[in-house]
Amino acid sequence: MAEKADEEKTTDDICVEKNEDCRRFLRVHGSNAEKHSDVIVCGDFMTAKKHVIYFGGDIQDYSEKMLFHAQTKKYNQWNLENTAILLQKKFPDSFVFVVKPSKLNYGIFSVFSNFVISNDVGVPDHSVGQGSWHEVERLYHNTIREILSLQDGNKGMNADCDVPVPVCIVGFSKGCIVLNQLVHDLEPEMESEARNFISSVETLYWLDGGHSGSCKKTWVTNSKILEYLAQSSLKISVHVTPYQLEDATREWIAEEEKLFVENLQQYNGKVKEKVYFSGVPRSIDKHFELLVDFDVDLI
């Protein structure tokens, strides 16, 4: 089901800014009928030379929802549609798919439970074999089917059609838990029906990964899993700021991020890392500004 950004009814008469650049596809099915996600798309699908799939952080939602909550309205510039437009401009000739979390509890905590087992505030429980690649693949192809169904002459086109453009997957903040789960599932799913989709993925981008959990495992540190990732064709692009690396209440984030990069380097993985805003006091504003500043061509 498709819906233009300005057509959705808003909460308590909060206006939605008209946005002709994005389109919302609501409740797109993933790997089964119980799993579905809203997907915001941006760009010219028919001419795009790259597809970008994005998983965002806590707080990021539709503009009308963010404006409705006192704790989130000051961050409205980072709403999902603005982010889709930003990414489409950062990746030349791209078409962007922004995956909305299955839930935003309390209007703040993004929950990506369709892709990784998570608790009510979105803290993940990573393990091998959760089928995350298959879920991303199904959601991606079903969204493409919805897009093509709107194009003249494409009614009923097979959702499994191959799209001959490279794909990159971007995780920001909490959204990096989806990438972490993809890494856990890479080896078993390379032998599954998702393998063709995996082979189309060119780069995985980690943007300041972190979550609100008191447990560790914010970054993948299992050497066996990282060795397999390093031996794959995937490029790994890591972008971080003091907001996560200098969090005194979660010192393990910096330790794990260092292990993640060093292990991939040890196994000759295609990985590059860049730190932004060094020497600047950590702040959530700089955390979000990474979406503007990160170098898409780092690797």
Protein backbone atom coordinates (compact mmCIF):
# COMPACT_ATOMS: atom_id res chain seq x y z
CA MET A 1 0.00 0.00 0.00
CA ALA A 2 1.56 3.28 -1.05
CA GLU A 3 0.95 6.66 0.45
CA LYS A 4 2.43 10.05 -0.30
CA ALA A 5 3.95 11.78 2.71
CA ASP A 6 1.37 14.56 2.73
CA GLU A 7 -1.64 12.24 2.53
CA GLU A 8 -1.44 10.56 5.93
CA LYS A 9 -3.85 11.76 8.61
CA THR A 10 -1.89 13.35 11.43
CA THR A 11 -2.21 13.15 15.18
CA ASP A 12 -4.15 15.94 16.88
CA ASP A 13 -4.08 18.25 13.86
CA ILE A 14 -0.30 18.37 13.59
CA CYS A 15 0.47 19.26 9.99
CA VAL A 16 2.70 17.16 7.79
CA GLU A 17 5.00 19.14 5.54
CA LYS A 18 4.30 18.35 1.90
CA ASN A 19 7.14 16.27 0.51
CA GLU A 20 7.01 15.28 -3.14
CA ASP A 21 10.42 13.58 -3.00
CA CYS A 22 9.38 10.65 -0.80
CA ARG A 23 6.70 8.02 -0.85
CA ARG A 24 5.58 5.81 2.02
CA PHE A 25 4.78 2.16 1.45
CA LEU A 26 2.87 0.98 4.48
CA ARG A 27 3.06 -2.48 6.07
CA VAL A 28 5.14 -4.11 3.36
CA HIS A 29 5.44 -7.83 4.03
CA GLY A 30 8.81 -9.35 4.78
CA SER A 31 9.50 -13.08 4.99
CA ASN A 32 5.96 -13.88 6.17
CA ALA A 33 2.58 -12.27 6.75
CA GLU A 34 3.34 -11.60 10.42
CA LYS A 35 6.40 -9.53 9.60
CA HIS A 36 5.85 -6.20 7.91
CA SER A 37 7.51 -2.78 7.90
CA ASP A 38 6.81 0.67 6.54
CA VAL A 39 9.37 1.63 3.89
CA ILE A 40 10.02 5.22 2.79
CA VAL A 41 11.53 5.52 -0.68
CA CYS A 42 13.27 8.42 -2.37
CA GLY A 43 14.74 8.92 -5.83
CA ASP A 44 14.11 7.81 -9.40
CA PHE A 45 13.81 4.04 -9.34
CA MET A 46 13.98 3.60 -13.10
CA THR A 47 17.31 5.43 -13.52
CA ALA A 48 19.06 4.63 -10.24
CA LYS A 49 22.55 3.12 -10.41
CA LYS A 50 22.67 2.12 -6.74
CA HIS A 51 20.15 1.13 -4.07
CA VAL A 52 20.64 2.24 -0.46
CA ILE A 53 18.81 0.46 2.38
CA TYR A 54 18.81 2.42 5.66
CA PHE A 55 18.06 1.42 9.26
CA GLY A 56 17.89 4.44 11.57
CA GLY A 57 18.33 5.20 15.23
CA ASP A 58 16.16 5.88 18.23
CA ILE A 59 13.87 8.92 17.90
CA GLN A 60 13.79 8.85 14.07
CA ASP A 61 10.16 8.58 12.97
CA TYR A 62 7.67 10.28 10.69
CA SER A 63 7.73 14.05 11.12
CA GLU A 64 4.16 14.26 12.46
CA LYS A 65 4.98 11.72 15.16
CA MET A 66 8.21 13.45 16.16
CA LEU A 67 6.49 16.82 16.40
CA PHE A 68 3.84 15.33 18.67
CA HIS A 69 6.31 14.33 21.42
CA ALA A 70 8.09 16.95 23.51
CA GLN A 71 11.22 14.78 23.74
CA THR A 72 11.57 14.28 20.00
CA LYS A 73 10.25 17.39 18.28
CA LYS A 74 13.56 19.26 18.63
CA TYR A 75 15.16 16.55 16.50
CA ASN A 76 12.50 16.68 13.80
CA GLN A 77 15.04 17.67 11.13
CA TRP A 78 16.28 14.05 11.35
CA ASN A 79 12.88 12.51 10.62
CA LEU A 80 12.82 9.50 8.31
CA GLU A 81 11.82 11.36 5.16
CA ASN A 82 14.41 14.10 5.60
CA THR A 83 16.99 11.36 6.13
CA ALA A 84 15.86 9.59 2.95
CA ILE A 85 16.35 12.82 0.98
CA LEU A 86 19.73 13.41 2.61
CA LEU A 87 20.96 9.93 1.72
CA GLN A 88 19.66 10.16 -1.83
CA LYS A 89 21.76 13.31 -2.30
CA LYS A 90 24.84 11.79 -0.64
CA PHE A 91 24.77 8.71 -2.86
CA PRO A 92 24.71 10.03 -6.46
CA ASP A 93 22.19 8.42 -8.82
CA SER A 94 20.79 6.31 -5.99
CA PHE A 95 17.37 5.11 -4.92
CA VAL A 96 16.88 4.97 -1.15
CA PHE A 97 14.81 2.58 0.96
CA VAL A 98 14.41 3.73 4.58
CA VAL A 99 13.06 0.94 6.78
CA LYS A 100 10.90 2.19 9.63
CA PRO A 101 11.26 0.21 12.89
CA SER A 102 8.43 -2.20 13.65
CA LYS A 103 7.81 -0.16 16.82
CA LEU A 104 9.00 3.04 18.47
CA ASN A 105 8.17 2.45 22.10
CA TYR A 106 7.40 5.62 24.07
CA GLY A 107 8.01 7.46 20.79
CA ILE A 108 11.76 7.07 21.37
CA PHE A 109 13.09 3.52 21.33
CA SER A 110 13.36 1.94 17.88
CA VAL A 111 12.65 -1.79 17.84
CA PHE A 112 13.84 -3.82 14.83
CA SER A 113 12.41 -7.13 16.00
CA ASN A 114 11.62 -8.25 12.44
CA PHE A 115 15.36 -8.59 11.86
CA VAL A 116 16.86 -9.41 15.27
CA ILE A 117 15.36 -10.66 18.52
CA SER A 118 14.94 -7.56 20.71
CA ASN A 119 13.35 -6.46 23.96
CA ASP A 120 10.76 -3.70 24.39
CA VAL A 121 13.32 -0.90 24.07
CA GLY A 122 15.09 -2.47 21.13
CA VAL A 123 18.11 -3.99 22.85
CA PRO A 124 19.13 -6.93 20.64
CA ASP A 125 19.83 -10.56 21.46
CA HIS A 126 22.21 -11.60 18.69
CA SER A 127 22.70 -15.23 17.72
CA VAL A 128 23.45 -17.11 14.53
CA GLY A 129 20.47 -18.27 12.48
CA GLN A 130 17.82 -15.55 12.90
CA GLY A 131 17.24 -15.21 9.14
CA SER A 132 18.01 -11.50 8.93
CA TRP A 133 19.27 -11.56 5.34
CA HIS A 134 16.16 -13.37 4.20
CA GLU A 135 13.98 -10.78 5.95
CA VAL A 136 15.83 -7.84 4.38
CA GLU A 137 15.73 -9.52 0.97
CA ARG A 138 11.97 -10.19 1.13
CA LEU A 139 11.19 -6.67 2.35
CA TYR A 140 13.42 -5.16 -0.35
CA HIS A 141 11.90 -7.21 -3.18
CA ASN A 142 8.33 -6.73 -1.95
CA THR A 143 8.90 -2.97 -1.85
CA ILE A 144 10.23 -3.12 -5.40
CA ARG A 145 7.09 -5.01 -6.41
CA GLU A 146 4.98 -2.22 -4.87
CA ILE A 147 7.01 0.40 -6.75
CA LEU A 148 6.72 -1.39 -10.08
CA SER A 149 3.00 -1.94 -9.61
CA LEU A 150 2.64 1.85 -9.82
CA GLN A 151 4.50 1.97 -13.12
CA ASP A 152 2.42 1.59 -16.31
CA GLY A 153 2.81 -1.81 -17.88
CA ASN A 154 4.31 -3.48 -14.80
CA LYS A 155 1.21 -4.82 -13.11
CA GLY A 156 1.82 -8.20 -11.56
CA MET A 157 5.60 -8.15 -12.06
CA ASN A 158 7.35 -10.87 -10.08
CA ALA A 159 8.62 -9.64 -6.71
CA ASP A 160 11.70 -11.83 -7.14
CA CYS A 161 12.91 -9.95 -10.20
CA ASP A 162 16.62 -9.20 -10.15
CA VAL A 163 17.57 -5.54 -10.06
CA PRO A 164 20.95 -5.13 -11.80
CA VAL A 165 22.36 -2.42 -9.52
CA PRO A 166 24.65 -2.71 -6.49
CA VAL A 167 23.11 -2.39 -3.03
CA CYS A 168 24.58 -0.88 0.11
CA ILE A 169 23.10 -1.14 3.59
CA VAL A 170 23.49 1.71 6.08
CA GLY A 171 22.92 1.45 9.83
CA PHE A 172 22.88 4.53 12.05
CA SER A 173 23.06 4.35 15.85
CA LYS A 174 20.46 1.77 17.00
CA GLY A 175 20.01 0.72 13.36
CA CYS A 176 23.48 -0.84 13.43
CA ILE A 177 22.01 -3.76 15.37
CA VAL A 178 20.47 -4.92 12.08
CA LEU A 179 23.91 -4.89 10.44
CA ASN A 180 25.35 -6.78 13.42
CA GLN A 181 22.69 -9.46 12.96
CA LEU A 182 23.41 -9.63 9.23
CA VAL A 183 27.04 -10.35 10.11
CA HIS A 184 25.97 -13.13 12.50
CA ASP A 185 23.79 -14.68 9.78
CA LEU A 186 26.19 -14.24 6.85
CA GLU A 187 27.72 -17.71 6.75
CA PRO A 188 24.52 -19.80 7.07
CA GLU A 189 22.54 -17.57 4.71
CA MET A 190 25.18 -17.66 1.99
CA GLU A 191 23.89 -21.18 1.40
CA SER A 192 20.22 -20.13 1.45
CA GLU A 193 17.83 -18.59 -1.05
CA ALA A 194 19.10 -15.16 0.08
CA ARG A 195 22.53 -15.76 -1.47
CA ASN A 196 21.75 -13.90 -4.72
CA PHE A 197 20.67 -10.84 -2.76
CA ILE A 198 23.76 -11.05 -0.54
CA SER A 199 25.97 -11.16 -3.63
CA SER A 200 24.37 -7.91 -4.84
CA VAL A 201 25.32 -6.09 -1.62
CA GLU A 202 28.49 -4.08 -2.10
CA THR A 203 29.08 -2.19 1.17
CA LEU A 204 27.87 -2.19 4.77
CA TYR A 205 28.06 1.20 6.53
CA TRP A 206 28.18 1.40 10.34
CA LEU A 207 27.41 4.95 11.52
CA ASP A 208 28.09 5.44 15.25
CA GLY A 209 26.58 2.15 16.33
CA GLY A 210 25.14 1.84 19.82
CA HIS A 211 22.05 1.00 21.84
CA SER A 212 20.61 1.60 25.29
CA GLY A 213 21.35 -1.83 26.70
CA SER A 214 23.52 -2.34 29.76
CA CYS A 215 24.92 -5.49 28.19
CA LYS A 216 27.91 -5.58 25.90
CA LYS A 217 27.89 -6.82 22.28
CA THR A 218 27.33 -3.38 20.80
CA TRP A 219 29.80 -4.34 18.07
CA VAL A 220 30.52 -7.82 16.72
CA THR A 221 33.71 -9.20 18.29
CA ASN A 222 33.42 -12.94 17.67
CA SER A 223 36.60 -13.76 15.75
CA LYS A 224 35.13 -16.68 13.80
CA ILE A 225 32.19 -14.59 12.59
CA LEU A 226 34.48 -11.68 11.68
CA GLU A 227 36.90 -13.96 9.84
CA TYR A 228 34.05 -15.12 7.60
CA LEU A 229 32.95 -11.50 7.05
CA ALA A 230 36.53 -10.53 6.13
CA GLN A 231 36.74 -13.36 3.59
CA SER A 232 33.51 -12.28 1.90
CA SER A 233 33.30 -9.72 -0.90
CA LEU A 234 31.60 -7.17 1.37
CA LYS A 235 33.23 -3.80 2.00
CA ILE A 236 32.95 -2.52 5.57
CA SER A 237 32.80 1.24 6.15
CA VAL A 238 32.97 2.38 9.79
CA HIS A 239 32.18 5.95 10.88
CA VAL A 240 32.19 6.95 14.56
CA THR A 241 32.02 10.00 16.83
CA PRO A 242 32.77 10.80 20.49
CA TYR A 243 29.05 10.41 21.25
CA GLN A 244 29.54 6.64 21.32
CA LEU A 245 33.31 6.25 21.69
CA GLU A 246 33.61 8.55 24.71
CA ASP A 247 30.51 7.48 26.62
CA ALA A 248 31.83 7.02 30.17
CA THR A 249 28.77 4.98 31.14
CA ARG A 250 29.35 2.45 28.33
CA GLU A 251 33.11 2.20 27.97
CA TRP A 252 32.79 -1.16 26.22
CA ILE A 253 31.50 0.54 23.05
CA ALA A 254 34.93 1.98 22.21
CA GLU A 255 36.66 -1.26 23.21
CA GLU A 256 34.38 -3.37 21.03
CA GLU A 257 34.54 -1.00 18.07
CA LYS A 258 38.34 -1.21 18.17
CA LEU A 259 38.21 -5.03 18.27
CA PHE A 260 35.72 -5.08 15.38
CA VAL A 261 38.03 -3.06 13.12
CA GLU A 262 41.27 -4.72 14.25
CA ASN A 263 39.92 -8.24 13.78
CA LEU A 264 38.72 -7.44 10.27
CA GLN A 265 42.11 -5.92 9.46
CA GLN A 266 43.88 -8.97 10.89
CA TYR A 267 41.89 -11.22 8.55
CA ASN A 268 42.58 -8.90 5.59
CA GLY A 269 39.01 -7.70 5.38
CA LYS A 270 38.04 -4.77 3.19
CA VAL A 271 37.47 -2.32 6.07
CA LYS A 272 38.06 1.40 6.59
CA GLU A 273 37.38 3.47 9.70
CA LYS A 274 37.03 7.22 10.22
CA VAL A 275 36.51 9.19 13.44
CA TYR A 276 34.61 12.49 13.20
CA PHE A 277 34.48 15.53 15.52
CA SER A 278 37.58 14.48 17.48
CA GLY A 279 38.33 16.93 20.26
CA VAL A 280 34.75 18.21 20.26
CA PRO A 281 32.65 17.47 23.37
CA ARG A 282 30.37 14.50 22.78
CA SER A 283 26.80 15.48 22.01
CA ILE A 284 23.71 13.99 20.42
CA ASP A 285 23.72 16.89 17.93
CA LYS A 286 27.11 15.83 16.56
CA HIS A 287 25.89 12.22 16.61
CA PHE A 288 23.08 13.16 14.20
CA GLU A 289 25.34 15.44 12.17
CA LEU A 290 27.32 12.36 11.21
CA LEU A 291 24.46 11.64 8.77
CA VAL A 292 25.49 14.81 6.91
CA ASP A 293 29.26 14.46 7.22
CA PHE A 294 30.06 10.76 6.76
CA ASP A 295 32.19 9.99 3.74
CA VAL A 296 30.31 7.61 1.45
CA ASP A 297 33.52 6.98 -0.52
CA LEU A 298 35.69 6.06 2.48
CA ILE A 299 36.10 2.59 1.00
